[in-house]
Amino acid sequence: AEAAAADDWYLGNILRDDALLMEGLAAEGLSAQRVDWADP
């Protein structure tokens, strides 16, 4: 999910961490996307 429910702190933490990493990658000229490893 791209957003977490207000009471879903677990997913919220994951998304905040990934957003920071994606911002850092963007500053290095790299685009990023979150992907399910098992998506066939």
ModelCIF file with pLDDT and N, C-alpha, C, O atoms, coordinates in Angstrom:
data_MODEL
#
_entry.id   MODEL 
#
_entity.id                         1 
_entity.type                       polymer 
_entity.pdbx_number_of_molecules   1 
#
_entity_poly.entity_id                      1 
_entity_poly.type                           'polypeptide(L)' 
_entity_poly.nstd_linkage                   no 
_entity_poly.nstd_monomer                   no 
_entity_poly.pdbx_seq_one_letter_code       AEAAAADDWYLGNILRDDALLMEGLAAEGLSAQRVDWADP 
_entity_poly.pdbx_seq_one_letter_code_can   AEAAAADDWYLGNILRDDALLMEGLAAEGLSAQRVDWADP 
_entity_poly.pdbx_strand_id                 A 
#
loop_
_entity_poly_seq.entity_id 
_entity_poly_seq.num 
_entity_poly_seq.mon_id 
_entity_poly_seq.hetero 
1 1  ALA n 
1 2  GLU n 
1 3  ALA n 
1 4  ALA n 
1 5  ALA n 
1 6  ALA n 
1 7  ASP n 
1 8  ASP n 
1 9  TRP n 
1 10 TYR n 
1 11 LEU n 
1 12 GLY n 
1 13 ASN n 
1 14 ILE n 
1 15 LEU n 
1 16 ARG n 
1 17 ASP n 
1 18 ASP n 
1 19 ALA n 
1 20 LEU n 
1 21 LEU n 
1 22 MET n 
1 23 GLU n 
1 24 GLY n 
1 25 LEU n 
1 26 ALA n 
1 27 ALA n 
1 28 GLU n 
1 29 GLY n 
1 30 LEU n 
1 31 SER n 
1 32 ALA n 
1 33 GLN n 
1 34 ARG n 
1 35 VAL n 
1 36 ASP n 
1 37 TRP n 
1 38 ALA n 
1 39 ASP n 
1 40 PRO n 
#
_struct_asym.id          A 
_struct_asym.entity_id   1 
#
loop_
_ma_qa_metric.id 
_ma_qa_metric.mode 
_ma_qa_metric.name 
_ma_qa_metric.software_group_id 
_ma_qa_metric.type 
1 global pLDDT . pLDDT 
2 local  pLDDT . pLDDT 
#
_ma_qa_metric_global.metric_id      1 
_ma_qa_metric_global.metric_value   96.10 
_ma_qa_metric_global.model_id       1 
_ma_qa_metric_global.ordinal_id     1 
#
loop_
_ma_qa_metric_local.label_asym_id 
_ma_qa_metric_local.label_comp_id 
_ma_qa_metric_local.label_seq_id 
_ma_qa_metric_local.metric_id 
_ma_qa_metric_local.metric_value 
_ma_qa_metric_local.model_id 
_ma_qa_metric_local.ordinal_id 
A ALA 1  2 94.00 1 1  
A GLU 2  2 92.00 1 2  
A ALA 3  2 94.00 1 3  
A ALA 4  2 93.00 1 4  
A ALA 5  2 94.00 1 5  
A ALA 6  2 92.00 1 6  
A ASP 7  2 92.00 1 7  
A ASP 8  2 93.00 1 8  
A TRP 9  2 91.00 1 9  
A TYR 10 2 92.00 1 10 
A LEU 11 2 94.00 1 11 
A GLY 12 2 95.00 1 12 
A ASN 13 2 94.00 1 13 
A ILE 14 2 96.00 1 14 
A LEU 15 2 97.00 1 15 
A ARG 16 2 97.00 1 16 
A ASP 17 2 97.00 1 17 
A ASP 18 2 98.00 1 18 
A ALA 19 2 98.00 1 19 
A LEU 20 2 98.00 1 20 
A LEU 21 2 98.00 1 21 
A MET 22 2 98.00 1 22 
A GLU 23 2 98.00 1 23 
A GLY 24 2 98.00 1 24 
A LEU 25 2 98.00 1 25 
A ALA 26 2 98.00 1 26 
A ALA 27 2 98.00 1 27 
A GLU 28 2 98.00 1 28 
A GLY 29 2 97.00 1 29 
A LEU 30 2 98.00 1 30 
A SER 31 2 98.00 1 31 
A ALA 32 2 98.00 1 32 
A GLN 33 2 97.00 1 33 
A ARG 34 2 98.00 1 34 
A VAL 35 2 98.00 1 35 
A ASP 36 2 98.00 1 36 
A TRP 37 2 97.00 1 37 
A ALA 38 2 97.00 1 38 
A ASP 39 2 97.00 1 39 
A PRO 40 2 96.00 1 40 
#
loop_
_atom_site.group_PDB 
_atom_site.id 
_atom_site.type_symbol 
_atom_site.label_atom_id 
_atom_site.label_alt_id 
_atom_site.label_comp_id 
_atom_site.label_asym_id 
_atom_site.label_entity_id 
_atom_site.label_seq_id 
_atom_site.pdbx_PDB_ins_code 
_atom_site.Cartn_x 
_atom_site.Cartn_y 
_atom_site.Cartn_z 
_atom_site.occupancy 
_atom_site.B_iso_or_equiv 
_atom_site.pdbx_formal_charge 
_atom_site.auth_seq_id 
_atom_site.auth_comp_id 
_atom_site.auth_asym_id 
_atom_site.auth_atom_id 
_atom_site.pdbx_PDB_model_num 
ATOM 1   N N  . ALA A 1 1  ? 0.836  -1.203  0.000   1.00 94.00 ? 1  ALA A N  1 
ATOM 2   C CA . ALA A 1 1  ? 0.000  0.000   0.000   1.00 94.00 ? 1  ALA A CA 1 
ATOM 3   C C  . ALA A 1 1  ? 0.868  1.250   0.000   1.00 94.00 ? 1  ALA A C  1 
ATOM 4   O O  . ALA A 1 1  ? 1.957  1.271   0.573   1.00 94.00 ? 1  ALA A O  1 
ATOM 5   N N  . GLU A 1 2  ? 0.360  2.294   -0.657  1.00 92.00 ? 2  GLU A N  1 
ATOM 6   C CA . GLU A 1 2  ? 1.117  3.549   -0.737  1.00 92.00 ? 2  GLU A CA 1 
ATOM 7   C C  . GLU A 1 2  ? 0.860  4.451   0.460   1.00 92.00 ? 2  GLU A C  1 
ATOM 8   O O  . GLU A 1 2  ? 1.580  5.428   0.669   1.00 92.00 ? 2  GLU A O  1 
ATOM 9   N N  . ALA A 1 3  ? -0.156 4.133   1.244   1.00 94.00 ? 3  ALA A N  1 
ATOM 10  C CA . ALA A 1 3  ? -0.462 4.921   2.434   1.00 94.00 ? 3  ALA A CA 1 
ATOM 11  C C  . ALA A 1 3  ? -0.953 3.975   3.519   1.00 94.00 ? 3  ALA A C  1 
ATOM 12  O O  . ALA A 1 3  ? -1.553 2.940   3.233   1.00 94.00 ? 3  ALA A O  1 
ATOM 13  N N  . ALA A 1 4  ? -0.690 4.343   4.757   1.00 93.00 ? 4  ALA A N  1 
ATOM 14  C CA . ALA A 1 4  ? -1.101 3.528   5.897   1.00 93.00 ? 4  ALA A CA 1 
ATOM 15  C C  . ALA A 1 4  ? -2.286 4.165   6.598   1.00 93.00 ? 4  ALA A C  1 
ATOM 16  O O  . ALA A 1 4  ? -2.397 5.390   6.665   1.00 93.00 ? 4  ALA A O  1 
ATOM 17  N N  . ALA A 1 5  ? -3.165 3.332   7.116   1.00 94.00 ? 5  ALA A N  1 
ATOM 18  C CA . ALA A 1 5  ? -4.261 3.833   7.934   1.00 94.00 ? 5  ALA A CA 1 
ATOM 19  C C  . ALA A 1 5  ? -3.694 4.517   9.173   1.00 94.00 ? 5  ALA A C  1 
ATOM 20  O O  . ALA A 1 5  ? -2.577 4.227   9.600   1.00 94.00 ? 5  ALA A O  1 
ATOM 21  N N  . ALA A 1 6  ? -4.465 5.411   9.733   1.00 92.00 ? 6  ALA A N  1 
ATOM 22  C CA . ALA A 1 6  ? -3.983 6.210   10.869  1.00 92.00 ? 6  ALA A CA 1 
ATOM 23  C C  . ALA A 1 6  ? -3.523 5.336   12.029  1.00 92.00 ? 6  ALA A C  1 
ATOM 24  O O  . ALA A 1 6  ? -2.600 5.700   12.758  1.00 92.00 ? 6  ALA A O  1 
ATOM 25  N N  . ASP A 1 7  ? -4.171 4.175   12.203  1.00 92.00 ? 7  ASP A N  1 
ATOM 26  C CA . ASP A 1 7  ? -3.826 3.311   13.329  1.00 92.00 ? 7  ASP A CA 1 
ATOM 27  C C  . ASP A 1 7  ? -2.844 2.199   12.959  1.00 92.00 ? 7  ASP A C  1 
ATOM 28  O O  . ASP A 1 7  ? -2.539 1.339   13.785  1.00 92.00 ? 7  ASP A O  1 
ATOM 29  N N  . ASP A 1 8  ? -2.350 2.217   11.720  1.00 93.00 ? 8  ASP A N  1 
ATOM 30  C CA . ASP A 1 8  ? -1.425 1.174   11.274  1.00 93.00 ? 8  ASP A CA 1 
ATOM 31  C C  . ASP A 1 8  ? 0.006  1.694   11.363  1.00 93.00 ? 8  ASP A C  1 
ATOM 32  O O  . ASP A 1 8  ? 0.612  2.051   10.352  1.00 93.00 ? 8  ASP A O  1 
ATOM 33  N N  . TRP A 1 9  ? 0.538  1.733   12.580  1.00 91.00 ? 9  TRP A N  1 
ATOM 34  C CA . TRP A 1 9  ? 1.875  2.261   12.799  1.00 91.00 ? 9  TRP A CA 1 
ATOM 35  C C  . TRP A 1 9  ? 2.941  1.382   12.134  1.00 91.00 ? 9  TRP A C  1 
ATOM 36  O O  . TRP A 1 9  ? 3.989  1.873   11.716  1.00 91.00 ? 9  TRP A O  1 
ATOM 37  N N  . TYR A 1 10 ? 2.662  0.086   12.045  1.00 92.00 ? 10 TYR A N  1 
ATOM 38  C CA . TYR A 1 10 ? 3.634  -0.851  11.491  1.00 92.00 ? 10 TYR A CA 1 
ATOM 39  C C  . TYR A 1 10 ? 3.920  -0.524  10.027  1.00 92.00 ? 10 TYR A C  1 
ATOM 40  O O  . TYR A 1 10 ? 5.075  -0.351  9.637   1.00 92.00 ? 10 TYR A O  1 
ATOM 41  N N  . LEU A 1 11 ? 2.855  -0.440  9.215   1.00 94.00 ? 11 LEU A N  1 
ATOM 42  C CA . LEU A 1 11 ? 3.030  -0.073  7.814   1.00 94.00 ? 11 LEU A CA 1 
ATOM 43  C C  . LEU A 1 11 ? 3.528  1.358   7.686   1.00 94.00 ? 11 LEU A C  1 
ATOM 44  O O  . LEU A 1 11 ? 4.334  1.660   6.806   1.00 94.00 ? 11 LEU A O  1 
ATOM 45  N N  . GLY A 1 12 ? 3.055  2.236   8.555   1.00 95.00 ? 12 GLY A N  1 
ATOM 46  C CA . GLY A 1 12 ? 3.506  3.621   8.518   1.00 95.00 ? 12 GLY A CA 1 
ATOM 47  C C  . GLY A 1 12 ? 5.008  3.737   8.668   1.00 95.00 ? 12 GLY A C  1 
ATOM 48  O O  . GLY A 1 12 ? 5.645  4.529   7.973   1.00 95.00 ? 12 GLY A O  1 
ATOM 49  N N  . ASN A 1 13 ? 5.583  2.949   9.576   1.00 94.00 ? 13 ASN A N  1 
ATOM 50  C CA . ASN A 1 13 ? 7.037  2.970   9.757   1.00 94.00 ? 13 ASN A CA 1 
ATOM 51  C C  . ASN A 1 13 ? 7.765  2.506   8.501   1.00 94.00 ? 13 ASN A C  1 
ATOM 52  O O  . ASN A 1 13 ? 8.760  3.107   8.094   1.00 94.00 ? 13 ASN A O  1 
ATOM 53  N N  . ILE A 1 14 ? 7.264  1.431   7.887   1.00 96.00 ? 14 ILE A N  1 
ATOM 54  C CA . ILE A 1 14 ? 7.875  0.912   6.660   1.00 96.00 ? 14 ILE A CA 1 
ATOM 55  C C  . ILE A 1 14 ? 7.859  1.976   5.568   1.00 96.00 ? 14 ILE A C  1 
ATOM 56  O O  . ILE A 1 14 ? 8.863  2.207   4.894   1.00 96.00 ? 14 ILE A O  1 
ATOM 57  N N  . LEU A 1 15 ? 6.710  2.616   5.406   1.00 97.00 ? 15 LEU A N  1 
ATOM 58  C CA . LEU A 1 15 ? 6.573  3.604   4.335   1.00 97.00 ? 15 LEU A CA 1 
ATOM 59  C C  . LEU A 1 15 ? 7.446  4.832   4.579   1.00 97.00 ? 15 LEU A C  1 
ATOM 60  O O  . LEU A 1 15 ? 8.000  5.390   3.632   1.00 97.00 ? 15 LEU A O  1 
ATOM 61  N N  . ARG A 1 16 ? 7.575  5.259   5.833   1.00 97.00 ? 16 ARG A N  1 
ATOM 62  C CA . ARG A 1 16 ? 8.421  6.420   6.133   1.00 97.00 ? 16 ARG A CA 1 
ATOM 63  C C  . ARG A 1 16 ? 9.893  6.103   5.828   1.00 97.00 ? 16 ARG A C  1 
ATOM 64  O O  . ARG A 1 16 ? 10.604 6.921   5.244   1.00 97.00 ? 16 ARG A O  1 
ATOM 65  N N  . ASP A 1 17 ? 10.328 4.929   6.222   1.00 97.00 ? 17 ASP A N  1 
ATOM 66  C CA . ASP A 1 17 ? 11.715 4.552   5.943   1.00 97.00 ? 17 ASP A CA 1 
ATOM 67  C C  . ASP A 1 17 ? 11.975 4.475   4.442   1.00 97.00 ? 17 ASP A C  1 
ATOM 68  O O  . ASP A 1 17 ? 12.981 4.985   3.949   1.00 97.00 ? 17 ASP A O  1 
ATOM 69  N N  . ASP A 1 18 ? 11.057 3.832   3.721   1.00 98.00 ? 18 ASP A N  1 
ATOM 70  C CA . ASP A 1 18 ? 11.246 3.710   2.278   1.00 98.00 ? 18 ASP A CA 1 
ATOM 71  C C  . ASP A 1 18 ? 11.182 5.068   1.578   1.00 98.00 ? 18 ASP A C  1 
ATOM 72  O O  . ASP A 1 18 ? 11.904 5.305   0.610   1.00 98.00 ? 18 ASP A O  1 
ATOM 73  N N  . ALA A 1 19 ? 10.317 5.957   2.068   1.00 98.00 ? 19 ALA A N  1 
ATOM 74  C CA . ALA A 1 19 ? 10.228 7.288   1.463   1.00 98.00 ? 19 ALA A CA 1 
ATOM 75  C C  . ALA A 1 19 ? 11.547 8.043   1.614   1.00 98.00 ? 19 ALA A C  1 
ATOM 76  O O  . ALA A 1 19 ? 11.985 8.729   0.691   1.00 98.00 ? 19 ALA A O  1 
ATOM 77  N N  . LEU A 1 20 ? 12.172 7.914   2.771   1.00 98.00 ? 20 LEU A N  1 
ATOM 78  C CA . LEU A 1 20 ? 13.461 8.581   2.975   1.00 98.00 ? 20 LEU A CA 1 
ATOM 79  C C  . LEU A 1 20 ? 14.526 8.022   2.045   1.00 98.00 ? 20 LEU A C  1 
ATOM 80  O O  . LEU A 1 20 ? 15.332 8.770   1.493   1.00 98.00 ? 20 LEU A O  1 
ATOM 81  N N  . LEU A 1 21 ? 14.528 6.711   1.874   1.00 98.00 ? 21 LEU A N  1 
ATOM 82  C CA . LEU A 1 21 ? 15.504 6.107   0.975   1.00 98.00 ? 21 LEU A CA 1 
ATOM 83  C C  . LEU A 1 21 ? 15.232 6.521   -0.467  1.00 98.00 ? 21 LEU A C  1 
ATOM 84  O O  . LEU A 1 21 ? 16.169 6.788   -1.219  1.00 98.00 ? 21 LEU A O  1 
ATOM 85  N N  . MET A 1 22 ? 13.972 6.578   -0.859  1.00 98.00 ? 22 MET A N  1 
ATOM 86  C CA . MET A 1 22 ? 13.633 6.988   -2.223  1.00 98.00 ? 22 MET A CA 1 
ATOM 87  C C  . MET A 1 22 ? 14.028 8.438   -2.473  1.00 98.00 ? 22 MET A C  1 
ATOM 88  O O  . MET A 1 22 ? 14.474 8.779   -3.569  1.00 98.00 ? 22 MET A O  1 
ATOM 89  N N  . GLU A 1 23 ? 13.866 9.298   -1.462  1.00 98.00 ? 23 GLU A N  1 
ATOM 90  C CA . GLU A 1 23 ? 14.306 10.686  -1.601  1.00 98.00 ? 23 GLU A CA 1 
ATOM 91  C C  . GLU A 1 23 ? 15.826 10.747  -1.783  1.00 98.00 ? 23 GLU A C  1 
ATOM 92  O O  . GLU A 1 23 ? 16.336 11.503  -2.611  1.00 98.00 ? 23 GLU A O  1 
ATOM 93  N N  . GLY A 1 24 ? 16.532 9.941   -0.999  1.00 98.00 ? 24 GLY A N  1 
ATOM 94  C CA . GLY A 1 24 ? 17.980 9.908   -1.128  1.00 98.00 ? 24 GLY A CA 1 
ATOM 95  C C  . GLY A 1 24 ? 18.423 9.410   -2.489  1.00 98.00 ? 24 GLY A C  1 
ATOM 96  O O  . GLY A 1 24 ? 19.363 9.946   -3.075  1.00 98.00 ? 24 GLY A O  1 
ATOM 97  N N  . LEU A 1 25 ? 17.747 8.380   -3.000  1.00 98.00 ? 25 LEU A N  1 
ATOM 98  C CA . LEU A 1 25 ? 18.080 7.867   -4.326  1.00 98.00 ? 25 LEU A CA 1 
ATOM 99  C C  . LEU A 1 25 ? 17.788 8.905   -5.408  1.00 98.00 ? 25 LEU A C  1 
ATOM 100 O O  . LEU A 1 25 ? 18.550 9.055   -6.363  1.00 98.00 ? 25 LEU A O  1 
ATOM 101 N N  . ALA A 1 26 ? 16.680 9.614   -5.246  1.00 98.00 ? 26 ALA A N  1 
ATOM 102 C CA . ALA A 1 26 ? 16.345 10.663  -6.222  1.00 98.00 ? 26 ALA A CA 1 
ATOM 103 C C  . ALA A 1 26 ? 17.432 11.721  -6.265  1.00 98.00 ? 26 ALA A C  1 
ATOM 104 O O  . ALA A 1 26 ? 17.778 12.223  -7.334  1.00 98.00 ? 26 ALA A O  1 
ATOM 105 N N  . ALA A 1 27 ? 17.974 12.063  -5.087  1.00 98.00 ? 27 ALA A N  1 
ATOM 106 C CA . ALA A 1 27 ? 19.055 13.049  -5.040  1.00 98.00 ? 27 ALA A CA 1 
ATOM 107 C C  . ALA A 1 27 ? 20.304 12.540  -5.761  1.00 98.00 ? 27 ALA A C  1 
ATOM 108 O O  . ALA A 1 27 ? 21.142 13.334  -6.190  1.00 98.00 ? 27 ALA A O  1 
ATOM 109 N N  . GLU A 1 28 ? 20.428 11.220  -5.894  1.00 98.00 ? 28 GLU A N  1 
ATOM 110 C CA . GLU A 1 28 ? 21.553 10.619  -6.622  1.00 98.00 ? 28 GLU A CA 1 
ATOM 111 C C  . GLU A 1 28 ? 21.208 10.361  -8.088  1.00 98.00 ? 28 GLU A C  1 
ATOM 112 O O  . GLU A 1 28 ? 22.005 9.783   -8.828  1.00 98.00 ? 28 GLU A O  1 
ATOM 113 N N  . GLY A 1 29 ? 20.003 10.798  -8.505  1.00 97.00 ? 29 GLY A N  1 
ATOM 114 C CA . GLY A 1 29 ? 19.605 10.638  -9.894  1.00 97.00 ? 29 GLY A CA 1 
ATOM 115 C C  . GLY A 1 29 ? 18.985 9.293   -10.223 1.00 97.00 ? 29 GLY A C  1 
ATOM 116 O O  . GLY A 1 29 ? 18.932 8.900   -11.388 1.00 97.00 ? 29 GLY A O  1 
ATOM 117 N N  . LEU A 1 30 ? 18.514 8.581   -9.199  1.00 98.00 ? 30 LEU A N  1 
ATOM 118 C CA . LEU A 1 30 ? 17.937 7.253   -9.401  1.00 98.00 ? 30 LEU A CA 1 
ATOM 119 C C  . LEU A 1 30 ? 16.480 7.240   -8.969  1.00 98.00 ? 30 LEU A C  1 
ATOM 120 O O  . LEU A 1 30 ? 16.156 7.662   -7.859  1.00 98.00 ? 30 LEU A O  1 
ATOM 121 N N  . SER A 1 31 ? 15.611 6.764   -9.827  1.00 98.00 ? 31 SER A N  1 
ATOM 122 C CA . SER A 1 31 ? 14.205 6.593   -9.473  1.00 98.00 ? 31 SER A CA 1 
ATOM 123 C C  . SER A 1 31 ? 14.019 5.236   -8.799  1.00 98.00 ? 31 SER A C  1 
ATOM 124 O O  . SER A 1 31 ? 14.807 4.314   -9.009  1.00 98.00 ? 31 SER A O  1 
ATOM 125 N N  . ALA A 1 32 ? 12.976 5.126   -7.993  1.00 98.00 ? 32 ALA A N  1 
ATOM 126 C CA . ALA A 1 32 ? 12.757 3.879   -7.254  1.00 98.00 ? 32 ALA A CA 1 
ATOM 127 C C  . ALA A 1 32 ? 11.270 3.604   -7.113  1.00 98.00 ? 32 ALA A C  1 
ATOM 128 O O  . ALA A 1 32 ? 10.442 4.514   -7.151  1.00 98.00 ? 32 ALA A O  1 
ATOM 129 N N  . GLN A 1 33 ? 10.956 2.334   -6.952  1.00 97.00 ? 33 GLN A N  1 
ATOM 130 C CA . GLN A 1 33 ? 9.577  1.898   -6.765  1.00 97.00 ? 33 GLN A CA 1 
ATOM 131 C C  . GLN A 1 33 ? 9.563  0.708   -5.815  1.00 97.00 ? 33 GLN A C  1 
ATOM 132 O O  . GLN A 1 33 ? 10.437 -0.156  -5.881  1.00 97.00 ? 33 GLN A O  1 
ATOM 133 N N  . ARG A 1 34 ? 8.576  0.666   -4.938  1.00 98.00 ? 34 ARG A N  1 
ATOM 134 C CA . ARG A 1 34 ? 8.422  -0.473  -4.037  1.00 98.00 ? 34 ARG A CA 1 
ATOM 135 C C  . ARG A 1 34 ? 7.744  -1.613  -4.806  1.00 98.00 ? 34 ARG A C  1 
ATOM 136 O O  . ARG A 1 34 ? 6.733  -1.402  -5.475  1.00 98.00 ? 34 ARG A O  1 
ATOM 137 N N  . VAL A 1 35 ? 8.311  -2.824  -4.704  1.00 98.00 ? 35 VAL A N  1 
ATOM 138 C CA . VAL A 1 35 ? 7.842  -3.955  -5.510  1.00 98.00 ? 35 VAL A CA 1 
ATOM 139 C C  . VAL A 1 35 ? 7.773  -5.211  -4.648  1.00 98.00 ? 35 VAL A C  1 
ATOM 140 O O  . VAL A 1 35 ? 8.665  -5.476  -3.843  1.00 98.00 ? 35 VAL A O  1 
ATOM 141 N N  . ASP A 1 36 ? 6.708  -5.975  -4.828  1.00 98.00 ? 36 ASP A N  1 
ATOM 142 C CA . ASP A 1 36 ? 6.568  -7.276  -4.176  1.00 98.00 ? 36 ASP A CA 1 
ATOM 143 C C  . ASP A 1 36 ? 7.527  -8.260  -4.834  1.00 98.00 ? 36 ASP A C  1 
ATOM 144 O O  . ASP A 1 36 ? 7.441  -8.507  -6.037  1.00 98.00 ? 36 ASP A O  1 
ATOM 145 N N  . TRP A 1 37 ? 8.440  -8.821  -4.045  1.00 97.00 ? 37 TRP A N  1 
ATOM 146 C CA . TRP A 1 37 ? 9.438  -9.735  -4.612  1.00 97.00 ? 37 TRP A CA 1 
ATOM 147 C C  . TRP A 1 37 ? 8.787  -10.932 -5.304  1.00 97.00 ? 37 TRP A C  1 
ATOM 148 O O  . TRP A 1 37 ? 9.362  -11.482 -6.244  1.00 97.00 ? 37 TRP A O  1 
ATOM 149 N N  . ALA A 1 38 ? 7.593  -11.346 -4.854  1.00 97.00 ? 38 ALA A N  1 
ATOM 150 C CA . ALA A 1 38 ? 6.965  -12.556 -5.370  1.00 97.00 ? 38 ALA A CA 1 
ATOM 151 C C  . ALA A 1 38 ? 5.987  -12.293 -6.508  1.00 97.00 ? 38 ALA A C  1 
ATOM 152 O O  . ALA A 1 38 ? 5.315  -13.218 -6.965  1.00 97.00 ? 38 ALA A O  1 
ATOM 153 N N  . ASP A 1 39 ? 5.895  -11.062 -6.968  1.00 97.00 ? 39 ASP A N  1 
ATOM 154 C CA . ASP A 1 39 ? 4.958  -10.739 -8.047  1.00 97.00 ? 39 ASP A CA 1 
ATOM 155 C C  . ASP A 1 39 ? 5.431  -11.406 -9.349  1.00 97.00 ? 39 ASP A C  1 
ATOM 156 O O  . ASP A 1 39 ? 6.485  -11.049 -9.875  1.00 97.00 ? 39 ASP A O  1 
ATOM 157 N N  . PRO A 1 40 ? 4.660  -12.369 -9.869  1.00 96.00 ? 40 PRO A N  1 
ATOM 158 C CA . PRO A 1 40 ? 5.127  -13.100 -11.062 1.00 96.00 ? 40 PRO A CA 1 
ATOM 159 C C  . PRO A 1 40 ? 5.124  -12.265 -12.330 1.00 96.00 ? 40 PRO A C  1 
ATOM 160 O O  . PRO A 1 40 ? 5.491  -12.759 -13.395 1.00 96.00 ? 40 PRO A O  1 
#
